[in-house]
């Protein structure tokens, strides 16, 4: 079962719309993928802490995680945070179908890891 392994510690930036992580935020997904968002990462903090790992994955090109998995981790994080499943699924579908522009293309190294993992799982 997905869960957050650390609390969310943030400070609001001067613009009042963005927040910076004061400490690492650690999350473990249902597939045992552990995600550690580093202190200093800036987020808009839209959907509680569940959006932070998703935003970090999407904005960081060297992370070998597909958009599909990033979106699933977002769903799992919302449920782990106690959000009603129907609402979590609604927000998941929004990012799944309309959030593609926020996912940065992966570096060639990250893409190679993604492709190697796909070929192993076949």
PDB file of N, CA and C in Angstrom:
ATOM      1  N   UNK A   1       0.838  -1.181   0.000  1.00  0.00           N
ATOM      2  CA  UNK A   1       0.000   0.000   0.000  1.00  0.00           C
ATOM      3  C   UNK A   1       0.885   1.248   0.000  1.00  0.00           C
ATOM      4  N   UNK A   2       0.575   2.182  -0.852  1.00  0.00           N
ATOM      5  CA  UNK A   2       1.340   3.420  -0.967  1.00  0.00           C
ATOM      6  C   UNK A   2       1.238   4.229   0.315  1.00  0.00           C
ATOM      7  N   UNK A   3       2.335   4.929   0.633  1.00  0.00           N
ATOM      8  CA  UNK A   3       2.299   5.790   1.815  1.00  0.00           C
ATOM      9  C   UNK A   3       3.429   6.796   1.761  1.00  0.00           C
ATOM     10  N   UNK A   4       3.232   7.873   2.487  1.00  0.00           N
ATOM     11  CA  UNK A   4       4.273   8.865   2.657  1.00  0.00           C
ATOM     12  C   UNK A   4       5.124   8.439   3.841  1.00  0.00           C
ATOM     13  N   UNK A   5       6.442   8.539   3.678  1.00  0.00           N
ATOM     14  CA  UNK A   5       7.371   8.101   4.709  1.00  0.00           C
ATOM     15  C   UNK A   5       7.923   9.268   5.514  1.00  0.00           C
ATOM     16  N   UNK A   6       7.559  10.475   5.130  1.00  0.00           N
ATOM     17  CA  UNK A   6       8.027  11.653   5.851  1.00  0.00           C
ATOM     18  C   UNK A   6       6.948  12.731   5.796  1.00  0.00           C
ATOM     19  N   UNK A   7       6.987  13.642   6.753  1.00  0.00           N
ATOM     20  CA  UNK A   7       6.001  14.727   6.744  1.00  0.00           C
ATOM     21  C   UNK A   7       6.358  15.772   5.683  1.00  0.00           C
ATOM     22  N   UNK A   8       5.388  16.561   5.338  1.00  0.00           N
ATOM     23  CA  UNK A   8       5.613  17.656   4.395  1.00  0.00           C
ATOM     24  C   UNK A   8       5.964  18.900   5.198  1.00  0.00           C
ATOM     25  N   UNK A   9       7.153  19.425   4.946  1.00  0.00           N
ATOM     26  CA  UNK A   9       7.590  20.651   5.600  1.00  0.00           C
ATOM     27  C   UNK A   9       7.904  21.661   4.505  1.00  0.00           C
ATOM     28  N   UNK A  10       7.119  22.743   4.469  1.00  0.00           N
ATOM     29  CA  UNK A  10       7.240  23.730   3.395  1.00  0.00           C
ATOM     30  C   UNK A  10       7.246  25.146   3.953  1.00  0.00           C
ATOM     31  N   UNK A  11       7.693  26.060   3.102  1.00  0.00           N
ATOM     32  CA  UNK A  11       7.608  27.482   3.402  1.00  0.00           C
ATOM     33  C   UNK A  11       7.038  28.177   2.179  1.00  0.00           C
ATOM     34  N   UNK A  12       6.087  29.071   2.405  1.00  0.00           N
ATOM     35  CA  UNK A  12       5.468  29.815   1.309  1.00  0.00           C
ATOM     36  C   UNK A  12       6.462  30.853   0.782  1.00  0.00           C
ATOM     37  N   UNK A  13       6.544  30.957  -0.536  1.00  0.00           N
ATOM     38  CA  UNK A  13       7.409  31.957  -1.154  1.00  0.00           C
ATOM     39  C   UNK A  13       6.706  33.309  -1.181  1.00  0.00           C
ATOM     40  N   UNK A  14       7.451  34.330  -1.508  1.00  0.00           N
ATOM     41  CA  UNK A  14       6.913  35.697  -1.469  1.00  0.00           C
ATOM     42  C   UNK A  14       5.711  35.914  -2.368  1.00  0.00           C
ATOM     43  N   UNK A  15       5.627  35.152  -3.451  1.00  0.00           N
ATOM     44  CA  UNK A  15       4.496  35.346  -4.369  1.00  0.00           C
ATOM     45  C   UNK A  15       3.180  34.824  -3.797  1.00  0.00           C
ATOM     46  N   UNK A  16       3.252  34.071  -2.691  1.00  0.00           N
ATOM     47  CA  UNK A  16       2.051  33.557  -2.045  1.00  0.00           C
ATOM     48  C   UNK A  16       1.378  32.411  -2.785  1.00  0.00           C
ATOM     49  N   UNK A  17       1.976  31.961  -3.892  1.00  0.00           N
ATOM     50  CA  UNK A  17       1.366  30.913  -4.714  1.00  0.00           C
ATOM     51  C   UNK A  17       2.203  29.652  -4.779  1.00  0.00           C
ATOM     52  N   UNK A  18       3.477  29.769  -4.471  1.00  0.00           N
ATOM     53  CA  UNK A  18       4.372  28.632  -4.554  1.00  0.00           C
ATOM     54  C   UNK A  18       5.011  28.382  -3.198  1.00  0.00           C
ATOM     55  N   UNK A  19       5.444  27.134  -3.037  1.00  0.00           N
ATOM     56  CA  UNK A  19       6.015  26.698  -1.767  1.00  0.00           C
ATOM     57  C   UNK A  19       7.330  25.984  -2.044  1.00  0.00           C
ATOM     58  N   UNK A  20       8.259  26.052  -1.106  1.00  0.00           N
ATOM     59  CA  UNK A  20       9.515  25.329  -1.238  1.00  0.00           C
ATOM     60  C   UNK A  20       9.608  24.286  -0.131  1.00  0.00           C
ATOM     61  N   UNK A  21      10.084  23.097  -0.487  1.00  0.00           N
ATOM     62  CA  UNK A  21      10.257  22.034   0.503  1.00  0.00           C
ATOM     63  C   UNK A  21      11.443  22.380   1.406  1.00  0.00           C
ATOM     64  N   UNK A  22      11.237  22.261   2.701  1.00  0.00           N
ATOM     65  CA  UNK A  22      12.313  22.511   3.658  1.00  0.00           C
ATOM     66  C   UNK A  22      13.101  21.250   3.952  1.00  0.00           C
ATOM     67  N   UNK A  23      12.453  20.091   3.795  1.00  0.00           N
ATOM     68  CA  UNK A  23      13.116  18.803   3.989  1.00  0.00           C
ATOM     69  C   UNK A  23      12.682  17.876   2.852  1.00  0.00           C
ATOM     70  N   UNK A  24      13.423  16.800   2.653  1.00  0.00           N
ATOM     71  CA  UNK A  24      13.046  15.813   1.636  1.00  0.00           C
ATOM     72  C   UNK A  24      11.661  15.248   1.947  1.00  0.00           C
ATOM     73  N   UNK A  25      10.886  15.016   0.905  1.00  0.00           N
ATOM     74  CA  UNK A  25       9.586  14.352   1.040  1.00  0.00           C
ATOM     75  C   UNK A  25       9.720  12.970   0.424  1.00  0.00           C
ATOM     76  N   UNK A  26       9.497  11.944   1.230  1.00  0.00           N
ATOM     77  CA  UNK A  26       9.658  10.561   0.764  1.00  0.00           C
ATOM     78  C   UNK A  26       8.292   9.887   0.650  1.00  0.00           C
ATOM     79  N   UNK A  27       8.128   9.167  -0.451  1.00  0.00           N
ATOM     80  CA  UNK A  27       6.876   8.468  -0.764  1.00  0.00           C
ATOM     81  C   UNK A  27       7.230   7.099  -1.320  1.00  0.00           C
ATOM     82  N   UNK A  28       6.470   6.088  -0.936  1.00  0.00           N
ATOM     83  CA  UNK A  28       6.646   4.762  -1.532  1.00  0.00           C
ATOM     84  C   UNK A  28       5.324   4.360  -2.186  1.00  0.00           C
ATOM     85  N   UNK A  29       5.420   3.953  -3.452  1.00  0.00           N
ATOM     86  CA  UNK A  29       4.242   3.616  -4.249  1.00  0.00           C
ATOM     87  C   UNK A  29       3.857   2.152  -4.063  1.00  0.00           C
ATOM     88  N   UNK A  30       2.712   1.791  -4.595  1.00  0.00           N
ATOM     89  CA  UNK A  30       2.221   0.411  -4.506  1.00  0.00           C
ATOM     90  C   UNK A  30       3.179  -0.602  -5.125  1.00  0.00           C
ATOM     91  N   UNK A  31       3.968  -0.166  -6.130  1.00  0.00           N
ATOM     92  CA  UNK A  31       4.917  -1.075  -6.779  1.00  0.00           C
ATOM     93  C   UNK A  31       6.294  -1.052  -6.103  1.00  0.00           C
ATOM     94  N   UNK A  32       6.349  -0.480  -4.889  1.00  0.00           N
ATOM     95  CA  UNK A  32       7.573  -0.363  -4.080  1.00  0.00           C
ATOM     96  C   UNK A  32       8.585   0.634  -4.638  1.00  0.00           C
ATOM     97  N   UNK A  33       8.195   1.423  -5.619  1.00  0.00           N
ATOM     98  CA  UNK A  33       9.060   2.498  -6.113  1.00  0.00           C
ATOM     99  C   UNK A  33       9.122   3.572  -5.030  1.00  0.00           C
ATOM    100  N   UNK A  34      10.321   3.861  -4.545  1.00  0.00           N
ATOM    101  CA  UNK A  34      10.473   4.916  -3.547  1.00  0.00           C
ATOM    102  C   UNK A  34      10.877   6.204  -4.247  1.00  0.00           C
ATOM    103  N   UNK A  35      10.199   7.267  -3.900  1.00  0.00           N
ATOM    104  CA  UNK A  35      10.442   8.571  -4.499  1.00  0.00           C
ATOM    105  C   UNK A  35      10.862   9.510  -3.383  1.00  0.00           C
ATOM    106  N   UNK A  36      11.969  10.208  -3.587  1.00  0.00           N
ATOM    107  CA  UNK A  36      12.458  11.167  -2.614  1.00  0.00           C
ATOM    108  C   UNK A  36      12.566  12.523  -3.306  1.00  0.00           C
ATOM    109  N   UNK A  37      11.626  13.406  -3.001  1.00  0.00           N
ATOM    110  CA  UNK A  37      11.643  14.750  -3.567  1.00  0.00           C
ATOM    111  C   UNK A  37      12.573  15.585  -2.689  1.00  0.00           C
ATOM    112  N   UNK A  38      13.607  16.181  -3.274  1.00  0.00           N
ATOM    113  CA  UNK A  38      14.615  16.854  -2.453  1.00  0.00           C
ATOM    114  C   UNK A  38      14.141  18.194  -1.868  1.00  0.00           C
ATOM    115  N   UNK A  39      14.680  18.490  -0.697  1.00  0.00           N
ATOM    116  CA  UNK A  39      14.462  19.814  -0.103  1.00  0.00           C
ATOM    117  C   UNK A  39      14.880  20.860  -1.128  1.00  0.00           C
ATOM    118  N   UNK A  40      14.146  21.955  -1.175  1.00  0.00           N
ATOM    119  CA  UNK A  40      14.433  23.018  -2.134  1.00  0.00           C
ATOM    120  C   UNK A  40      13.540  22.983  -3.359  1.00  0.00           C
ATOM    121  N   UNK A  41      12.873  21.846  -3.595  1.00  0.00           N
ATOM    122  CA  UNK A  41      11.966  21.764  -4.737  1.00  0.00           C
ATOM    123  C   UNK A  41      10.814  22.741  -4.514  1.00  0.00           C
ATOM    124  N   UNK A  42      10.421  23.428  -5.588  1.00  0.00           N
ATOM    125  CA  UNK A  42       9.335  24.416  -5.503  1.00  0.00           C
ATOM    126  C   UNK A  42       8.094  23.835  -6.163  1.00  0.00           C
ATOM    127  N   UNK A  43       6.973  23.927  -5.462  1.00  0.00           N
ATOM    128  CA  UNK A  43       5.708  23.372  -5.936  1.00  0.00           C
ATOM    129  C   UNK A  43       4.593  24.396  -5.767  1.00  0.00           C
ATOM    130  N   UNK A  44       3.507  24.209  -6.526  1.00  0.00           N
ATOM    131  CA  UNK A  44       2.330  25.056  -6.337  1.00  0.00           C
ATOM    132  C   UNK A  44       1.381  24.465  -5.299  1.00  0.00           C
ATOM    133  N   UNK A  45       1.689  23.240  -4.854  1.00  0.00           N
ATOM    134  CA  UNK A  45       1.005  22.646  -3.709  1.00  0.00           C
ATOM    135  C   UNK A  45      -0.514  22.586  -3.899  1.00  0.00           C
ATOM    136  N   UNK A  46      -0.952  22.228  -5.116  1.00  0.00           N
ATOM    137  CA  UNK A  46      -2.376  22.284  -5.446  1.00  0.00           C
ATOM    138  C   UNK A  46      -3.221  21.243  -4.705  1.00  0.00           C
ATOM    139  N   UNK A  47      -2.821  19.991  -4.733  1.00  0.00           N
ATOM    140  CA  UNK A  47      -3.647  18.921  -4.166  1.00  0.00           C
ATOM    141  C   UNK A  47      -2.973  18.289  -2.958  1.00  0.00           C
ATOM    142  N   UNK A  48      -2.705  19.081  -1.961  1.00  0.00           N
ATOM    143  CA  UNK A  48      -2.019  18.602  -0.763  1.00  0.00           C
ATOM    144  C   UNK A  48      -0.652  18.045  -1.133  1.00  0.00           C
ATOM    145  N   UNK A  49      -0.076  17.257  -0.281  1.00  0.00           N
ATOM    146  CA  UNK A  49       1.281  16.777  -0.554  1.00  0.00           C
ATOM    147  C   UNK A  49       1.336  15.749  -1.669  1.00  0.00           C
ATOM    148  N   UNK A  50       0.195  15.177  -2.037  1.00  0.00           N
ATOM    149  CA  UNK A  50       0.175  14.149  -3.079  1.00  0.00           C
ATOM    150  C   UNK A  50       0.626  14.679  -4.435  1.00  0.00           C
ATOM    151  N   UNK A  51       0.522  15.975  -4.663  1.00  0.00           N
ATOM    152  CA  UNK A  51       0.945  16.547  -5.941  1.00  0.00           C
ATOM    153  C   UNK A  51       2.454  16.729  -6.022  1.00  0.00           C
ATOM    154  N   UNK A  52       3.136  16.786  -4.894  1.00  0.00           N
ATOM    155  CA  UNK A  52       4.563  17.116  -4.890  1.00  0.00           C
ATOM    156  C   UNK A  52       5.408  16.060  -5.611  1.00  0.00           C
ATOM    157  N   UNK A  53       5.295  14.761  -5.287  1.00  0.00           N
ATOM    158  CA  UNK A  53       6.089  13.781  -6.050  1.00  0.00           C
ATOM    159  C   UNK A  53       5.751  13.789  -7.544  1.00  0.00           C
ATOM    160  N   UNK A  54       4.482  13.932  -7.880  1.00  0.00           N
ATOM    161  CA  UNK A  54       4.057  13.975  -9.280  1.00  0.00           C
ATOM    162  C   UNK A  54       4.694  15.156  -9.996  1.00  0.00           C
ATOM    163  N   UNK A  55       4.623  16.330  -9.385  1.00  0.00           N
ATOM    164  CA  UNK A  55       5.213  17.524 -10.001  1.00  0.00           C
ATOM    165  C   UNK A  55       6.715  17.357 -10.190  1.00  0.00           C
ATOM    166  N   UNK A  56       7.373  16.807  -9.192  1.00  0.00           N
ATOM    167  CA  UNK A  56       8.821  16.635  -9.271  1.00  0.00           C
ATOM    168  C   UNK A  56       9.203  15.666 -10.393  1.00  0.00           C
ATOM    169  N   UNK A  57       8.489  14.540 -10.480  1.00  0.00           N
ATOM    170  CA  UNK A  57       8.769  13.582 -11.553  1.00  0.00           C
ATOM    171  C   UNK A  57       8.554  14.234 -12.918  1.00  0.00           C
ATOM    172  N   UNK A  58       7.432  14.909 -13.073  1.00  0.00           N
ATOM    173  CA  UNK A  58       7.095  15.504 -14.374  1.00  0.00           C
ATOM    174  C   UNK A  58       8.084  16.590 -14.796  1.00  0.00           C
ATOM    175  N   UNK A  59       8.620  17.333 -13.846  1.00  0.00           N
ATOM    176  CA  UNK A  59       9.512  18.450 -14.168  1.00  0.00           C
ATOM    177  C   UNK A  59      10.991  18.092 -14.186  1.00  0.00           C
ATOM    178  N   UNK A  60      11.338  16.853 -13.902  1.00  0.00           N
ATOM    179  CA  UNK A  60      12.744  16.472 -13.788  1.00  0.00           C
ATOM    180  C   UNK A  60      13.067  15.426 -14.847  1.00  0.00           C
ATOM    181  N   UNK A  61      13.761  15.851 -15.872  1.00  0.00           N
ATOM    182  CA  UNK A  61      13.966  15.033 -17.070  1.00  0.00           C
ATOM    183  C   UNK A  61      14.831  13.801 -16.849  1.00  0.00           C
ATOM    184  N   UNK A  62      15.677  13.794 -15.839  1.00  0.00           N
ATOM    185  CA  UNK A  62      16.581  12.648 -15.672  1.00  0.00           C
ATOM    186  C   UNK A  62      15.972  11.503 -14.870  1.00  0.00           C
ATOM    187  N   UNK A  63      14.745  11.646 -14.395  1.00  0.00           N
ATOM    188  CA  UNK A  63      14.105  10.594 -13.607  1.00  0.00           C
ATOM    189  C   UNK A  63      13.486   9.566 -14.563  1.00  0.00           C
ATOM    190  N   UNK A  64      13.879   8.290 -14.443  1.00  0.00           N
ATOM    191  CA  UNK A  64      13.378   7.275 -15.378  1.00  0.00           C
ATOM    192  C   UNK A  64      12.003   6.722 -14.973  1.00  0.00           C
ATOM    193  N   UNK A  65      11.023   7.604 -14.927  1.00  0.00           N
ATOM    194  CA  UNK A  65       9.649   7.215 -14.597  1.00  0.00           C
ATOM    195  C   UNK A  65       8.739   7.776 -15.684  1.00  0.00           C
ATOM    196  N   UNK A  66       7.897   6.932 -16.243  1.00  0.00           N
ATOM    197  CA  UNK A  66       6.985   7.358 -17.308  1.00  0.00           C
ATOM    198  C   UNK A  66       5.894   8.265 -16.763  1.00  0.00           C
ATOM    199  N   UNK A  67       5.249   8.994 -17.663  1.00  0.00           N
ATOM    200  CA  UNK A  67       4.115   9.832 -17.262  1.00  0.00           C
ATOM    201  C   UNK A  67       2.997   8.964 -16.701  1.00  0.00           C
ATOM    202  N   UNK A  68       2.799   7.809 -17.299  1.00  0.00           N
ATOM    203  CA  UNK A  68       1.741   6.912 -16.830  1.00  0.00           C
ATOM    204  C   UNK A  68       1.974   6.522 -15.366  1.00  0.00           C
ATOM    205  N   UNK A  69       3.215   6.185 -15.026  1.00  0.00           N
ATOM    206  CA  UNK A  69       3.504   5.834 -13.636  1.00  0.00           C
ATOM    207  C   UNK A  69       3.436   7.060 -12.728  1.00  0.00           C
ATOM    208  N   UNK A  70       3.905   8.200 -13.200  1.00  0.00           N
ATOM    209  CA  UNK A  70       3.811   9.427 -12.402  1.00  0.00           C
ATOM    210  C   UNK A  70       2.351   9.704 -12.045  1.00  0.00           C
ATOM    211  N   UNK A  71       1.461   9.550 -13.021  1.00  0.00           N
ATOM    212  CA  UNK A  71       0.034   9.781 -12.781  1.00  0.00           C
ATOM    213  C   UNK A  71      -0.535   8.762 -11.785  1.00  0.00           C
ATOM    214  N   UNK A  72      -0.116   7.492 -11.908  1.00  0.00           N
ATOM    215  CA  UNK A  72      -0.564   6.469 -10.952  1.00  0.00           C
ATOM    216  C   UNK A  72      -0.079   6.782  -9.537  1.00  0.00           C
ATOM    217  N   UNK A  73       1.167   7.255  -9.419  1.00  0.00           N
ATOM    218  CA  UNK A  73       1.693   7.607  -8.101  1.00  0.00           C
ATOM    219  C   UNK A  73       0.922   8.789  -7.507  1.00  0.00           C
ATOM    220  N   UNK A  74       0.495   9.698  -8.364  1.00  0.00           N
ATOM    221  CA  UNK A  74      -0.340  10.813  -7.913  1.00  0.00           C
ATOM    222  C   UNK A  74      -1.650  10.282  -7.325  1.00  0.00           C
ATOM    223  N   UNK A  75      -2.294   9.366  -8.039  1.00  0.00           N
ATOM    224  CA  UNK A  75      -3.529   8.741  -7.555  1.00  0.00           C
ATOM    225  C   UNK A  75      -3.277   8.041  -6.214  1.00  0.00           C
ATOM    226  N   UNK A  76      -2.232   7.247  -6.152  1.00  0.00           N
ATOM    227  CA  UNK A  76      -1.927   6.518  -4.921  1.00  0.00           C
ATOM    228  C   UNK A  76      -1.627   7.476  -3.768  1.00  0.00           C
ATOM    229  N   UNK A  77      -0.941   8.574  -4.066  1.00  0.00           N
ATOM    230  CA  UNK A  77      -0.639   9.559  -3.031  1.00  0.00           C
ATOM    231  C   UNK A  77      -1.884  10.231  -2.492  1.00  0.00           C
ATOM    232  N   UNK A  78      -2.819  10.550  -3.371  1.00  0.00           N
ATOM    233  CA  UNK A  78      -4.063  11.174  -2.915  1.00  0.00           C
ATOM    234  C   UNK A  78      -4.831  10.223  -2.001  1.00  0.00           C
ATOM    235  N   UNK A  79      -4.894   8.958  -2.371  1.00  0.00           N
ATOM    236  CA  UNK A  79      -5.593   7.969  -1.543  1.00  0.00           C
ATOM    237  C   UNK A  79      -4.852   7.785  -0.217  1.00  0.00           C
ATOM    238  N   UNK A  80      -3.514   7.736  -0.269  1.00  0.00           N
ATOM    239  CA  UNK A  80      -2.719   7.608   0.961  1.00  0.00           C
ATOM    240  C   UNK A  80      -2.924   8.809   1.875  1.00  0.00           C
ATOM    241  N   UNK A  81      -3.204   9.961   1.286  1.00  0.00           N
ATOM    242  CA  UNK A  81      -3.455  11.177   2.055  1.00  0.00           C
ATOM    243  C   UNK A  81      -4.874  11.239   2.621  1.00  0.00           C
ATOM    244  N   UNK A  82      -5.686  10.237   2.297  1.00  0.00           N
ATOM    245  CA  UNK A  82      -7.034  10.179   2.854  1.00  0.00           C
ATOM    246  C   UNK A  82      -8.118  10.792   1.992  1.00  0.00           C
ATOM    247  N   UNK A  83      -7.797  11.157   0.761  1.00  0.00           N
ATOM    248  CA  UNK A  83      -8.804  11.719  -0.128  1.00  0.00           C
ATOM    249  C   UNK A  83      -9.797  10.624  -0.537  1.00  0.00           C
ATOM    250  N   UNK A  84     -11.061  10.977  -0.672  1.00  0.00           N
ATOM    251  CA  UNK A  84     -12.075  10.029  -1.126  1.00  0.00           C
ATOM    252  C   UNK A  84     -11.662   9.465  -2.489  1.00  0.00           C
ATOM    253  N   UNK A  85     -11.849   8.166  -2.668  1.00  0.00           N
ATOM    254  CA  UNK A  85     -11.390   7.518  -3.900  1.00  0.00           C
ATOM    255  C   UNK A  85     -12.043   8.105  -5.148  1.00  0.00           C
ATOM    256  N   UNK A  86     -13.316   8.463  -5.071  1.00  0.00           N
ATOM    257  CA  UNK A  86     -13.991   9.024  -6.239  1.00  0.00           C
ATOM    258  C   UNK A  86     -13.348  10.353  -6.635  1.00  0.00           C
ATOM    259  N   UNK A  87     -12.993  11.171  -5.645  1.00  0.00           N
ATOM    260  CA  UNK A  87     -12.367  12.461  -5.944  1.00  0.00           C
ATOM    261  C   UNK A  87     -10.938  12.260  -6.459  1.00  0.00           C
ATOM    262  N   UNK A  88     -10.211  11.333  -5.843  1.00  0.00           N
ATOM    263  CA  UNK A  88      -8.848  11.035  -6.289  1.00  0.00           C
ATOM    264  C   UNK A  88      -8.857  10.560  -7.739  1.00  0.00           C
ATOM    265  N   UNK A  89      -9.811   9.694  -8.093  1.00  0.00           N
ATOM    266  CA  UNK A  89      -9.895   9.196  -9.475  1.00  0.00           C
ATOM    267  C   UNK A  89     -10.234  10.325 -10.452  1.00  0.00           C
ATOM    268  N   UNK A  90     -11.084  11.245 -10.024  1.00  0.00           N
ATOM    269  CA  UNK A  90     -11.423  12.385 -10.878  1.00  0.00           C
ATOM    270  C   UNK A  90     -10.186  13.225 -11.163  1.00  0.00           C
ATOM    271  N   UNK A  91      -9.417  13.551 -10.125  1.00  0.00           N
ATOM    272  CA  UNK A  91      -8.201  14.347 -10.315  1.00  0.00           C
ATOM    273  C   UNK A  91      -7.151  13.576 -11.106  1.00  0.00           C
ATOM    274  N   UNK A  92      -7.066  12.280 -10.872  1.00  0.00           N
ATOM    275  CA  UNK A  92      -6.159  11.427 -11.641  1.00  0.00           C
ATOM    276  C   UNK A  92      -6.497  11.503 -13.124  1.00  0.00           C
ATOM    277  N   UNK A  93      -7.771  11.391 -13.461  1.00  0.00           N
ATOM    278  CA  UNK A  93      -8.174  11.441 -14.869  1.00  0.00           C
ATOM    279  C   UNK A  93      -7.872  12.799 -15.494  1.00  0.00           C
ATOM    280  N   UNK A  94      -7.977  13.862 -14.716  1.00  0.00           N
ATOM    281  CA  UNK A  94      -7.640  15.198 -15.231  1.00  0.00           C
ATOM    282  C   UNK A  94      -6.169  15.240 -15.633  1.00  0.00           C
ATOM    283  N   UNK A  95      -5.267  14.800 -14.733  1.00  0.00           N
ATOM    284  CA  UNK A  95      -3.839  14.848 -15.092  1.00  0.00           C
ATOM    285  C   UNK A  95      -3.496  13.811 -16.154  1.00  0.00           C
ATOM    286  N   UNK A  96      -4.166  12.674 -16.127  1.00  0.00           N
ATOM    287  CA  UNK A  96      -3.897  11.631 -17.119  1.00  0.00           C
ATOM    288  C   UNK A  96      -4.211  12.118 -18.535  1.00  0.00           C
ATOM    289  N   UNK A  97      -5.364  12.754 -18.711  1.00  0.00           N
ATOM    290  CA  UNK A  97      -5.804  13.141 -20.041  1.00  0.00           C
ATOM    291  C   UNK A  97      -5.419  14.556 -20.449  1.00  0.00           C
ATOM    292  N   UNK A  98      -5.159  15.437 -19.496  1.00  0.00           N
ATOM    293  CA  UNK A  98      -4.905  16.833 -19.845  1.00  0.00           C
ATOM    294  C   UNK A  98      -3.573  17.372 -19.316  1.00  0.00           C
ATOM    295  N   UNK A  99      -2.787  16.546 -18.638  1.00  0.00           N
ATOM    296  CA  UNK A  99      -1.559  17.030 -18.028  1.00  0.00           C
ATOM    297  C   UNK A  99      -0.286  16.707 -18.774  1.00  0.00           C
ATOM    298  N   UNK A 100      -0.391  16.296 -20.012  1.00  0.00           N
ATOM    299  CA  UNK A 100       0.787  15.892 -20.772  1.00  0.00           C
ATOM    300  C   UNK A 100       1.816  16.982 -20.976  1.00  0.00           C
ATOM    301  N   UNK A 101       1.370  18.224 -21.060  1.00  0.00           N
ATOM    302  CA  UNK A 101       2.314  19.314 -21.325  1.00  0.00           C
ATOM    303  C   UNK A 101       3.249  19.576 -20.149  1.00  0.00           C
ATOM    304  N   UNK A 102       2.901  19.094 -18.952  1.00  0.00           N
ATOM    305  CA  UNK A 102       3.770  19.327 -17.795  1.00  0.00           C
ATOM    306  C   UNK A 102       4.866  18.276 -17.670  1.00  0.00           C
ATOM    307  N   UNK A 103       4.785  17.204 -18.452  1.00  0.00           N
ATOM    308  CA  UNK A 103       5.766  16.121 -18.384  1.00  0.00           C
ATOM    309  C   UNK A 103       6.924  16.424 -19.327  1.00  0.00           C
ATOM    310  N   UNK A 104       8.086  16.733 -18.748  1.00  0.00           N
ATOM    311  CA  UNK A 104       9.268  17.033 -19.560  1.00  0.00           C
ATOM    312  C   UNK A 104       9.769  15.771 -20.256  1.00  0.00           C
ATOM    313  N   UNK A 105      10.236  15.907 -21.487  1.00  0.00           N
ATOM    314  CA  UNK A 105      10.847  14.746 -22.142  1.00  0.00           C
ATOM    315  C   UNK A 105      12.018  14.236 -21.303  1.00  0.00           C
ATOM    316  N   UNK A 106      12.187  12.931 -21.263  1.00  0.00           N
ATOM    317  CA  UNK A 106      13.255  12.315 -20.476  1.00  0.00           C
ATOM    318  C   UNK A 106      14.601  12.460 -21.188  1.00  0.00           C
ATOM    319  N   UNK A 107      15.661  12.502 -20.412  1.00  0.00           N
ATOM    320  CA  UNK A 107      17.001  12.476 -20.998  1.00  0.00           C
ATOM    321  C   UNK A 107      17.202  11.124 -21.680  1.00  0.00           C
ATOM    322  N   UNK A 108      18.213  11.032 -22.519  1.00  0.00           N
ATOM    323  CA  UNK A 108      18.442   9.763 -23.218  1.00  0.00           C
ATOM    324  C   UNK A 108      18.766   8.641 -22.234  1.00  0.00           C
ATOM    325  N   UNK A 109      19.498   8.943 -21.160  1.00  0.00           N
ATOM    326  CA  UNK A 109      19.797   7.917 -20.155  1.00  0.00           C
ATOM    327  C   UNK A 109      18.525   7.439 -19.462  1.00  0.00           C
ATOM    328  N   UNK A 110      17.676   8.383 -19.067  1.00  0.00           N
ATOM    329  CA  UNK A 110      16.424   8.014 -18.396  1.00  0.00           C
ATOM    330  C   UNK A 110      15.533   7.222 -19.338  1.00  0.00           C
ATOM    331  N   UNK A 111      15.468   7.632 -20.592  1.00  0.00           N
ATOM    332  CA  UNK A 111      14.640   6.925 -21.570  1.00  0.00           C
ATOM    333  C   UNK A 111      15.159   5.508 -21.788  1.00  0.00           C
ATOM    334  N   UNK A 112      16.470   5.334 -21.796  1.00  0.00           N
ATOM    335  CA  UNK A 112      17.045   3.998 -21.970  1.00  0.00           C
ATOM    336  C   UNK A 112      16.654   3.084 -20.810  1.00  0.00           C
ATOM    337  N   UNK A 113      16.648   3.617 -19.597  1.00  0.00           N
ATOM    338  CA  UNK A 113      16.242   2.823 -18.423  1.00  0.00           C
ATOM    339  C   UNK A 113      14.769   2.454 -18.525  1.00  0.00           C
ATOM    340  N   UNK A 114      13.944   3.412 -18.915  1.00  0.00           N
ATOM    341  CA  UNK A 114      12.513   3.140 -19.076  1.00  0.00           C
ATOM    342  C   UNK A 114      12.305   2.027 -20.104  1.00  0.00           C
ATOM    343  N   UNK A 115      12.984   2.126 -21.243  1.00  0.00           N
ATOM    344  CA  UNK A 115      12.814   1.133 -22.299  1.00  0.00           C
ATOM    345  C   UNK A 115      13.343  -0.239 -21.857  1.00  0.00           C
ATOM    346  N   UNK A 116      14.441  -0.264 -21.125  1.00  0.00           N
ATOM    347  CA  UNK A 116      14.986  -1.537 -20.634  1.00  0.00           C
ATOM    348  C   UNK A 116      14.008  -2.195 -19.663  1.00  0.00           C
ATOM    349  N   UNK A 117      13.394  -1.400 -18.803  1.00  0.00           N
ATOM    350  CA  UNK A 117      12.418  -1.953 -17.857  1.00  0.00           C
ATOM    351  C   UNK A 117      11.189  -2.477 -18.583  1.00  0.00           C
ATOM    352  N   UNK A 118      10.767  -1.802 -19.640  1.00  0.00           N
ATOM    353  CA  UNK A 118       9.625  -2.277 -20.408  1.00  0.00           C
ATOM    354  C   UNK A 118       9.946  -3.607 -21.086  1.00  0.00           C
ATOM    355  N   UNK A 119      11.153  -3.745 -21.625  1.00  0.00           N
ATOM    356  CA  UNK A 119      11.490  -4.990 -22.309  1.00  0.00           C
ATOM    357  C   UNK A 119      11.650  -6.139 -21.335  1.00  0.00           C
ATOM    358  N   UNK A 120      12.079  -5.844 -20.111  1.00  0.00           N
ATOM    359  CA  UNK A 120      12.206  -6.891 -19.088  1.00  0.00           C
ATOM    360  C   UNK A 120      10.834  -7.397 -18.679  1.00  0.00           C
ATOM    361  N   UNK A 121       9.859  -6.503 -18.582  1.00  0.00           N
ATOM    362  CA  UNK A 121       8.549  -6.900 -18.076  1.00  0.00           C
ATOM    363  C   UNK A 121       7.699  -7.620 -19.122  1.00  0.00           C
ATOM    364  N   UNK A 122       8.148  -7.667 -20.371  1.00  0.00           N
ATOM    365  CA  UNK A 122       7.352  -8.334 -21.406  1.00  0.00           C
ATOM    366  C   UNK A 122       7.409  -9.787 -21.290  1.00  0.00           C
TER     367      UNK A 122
END
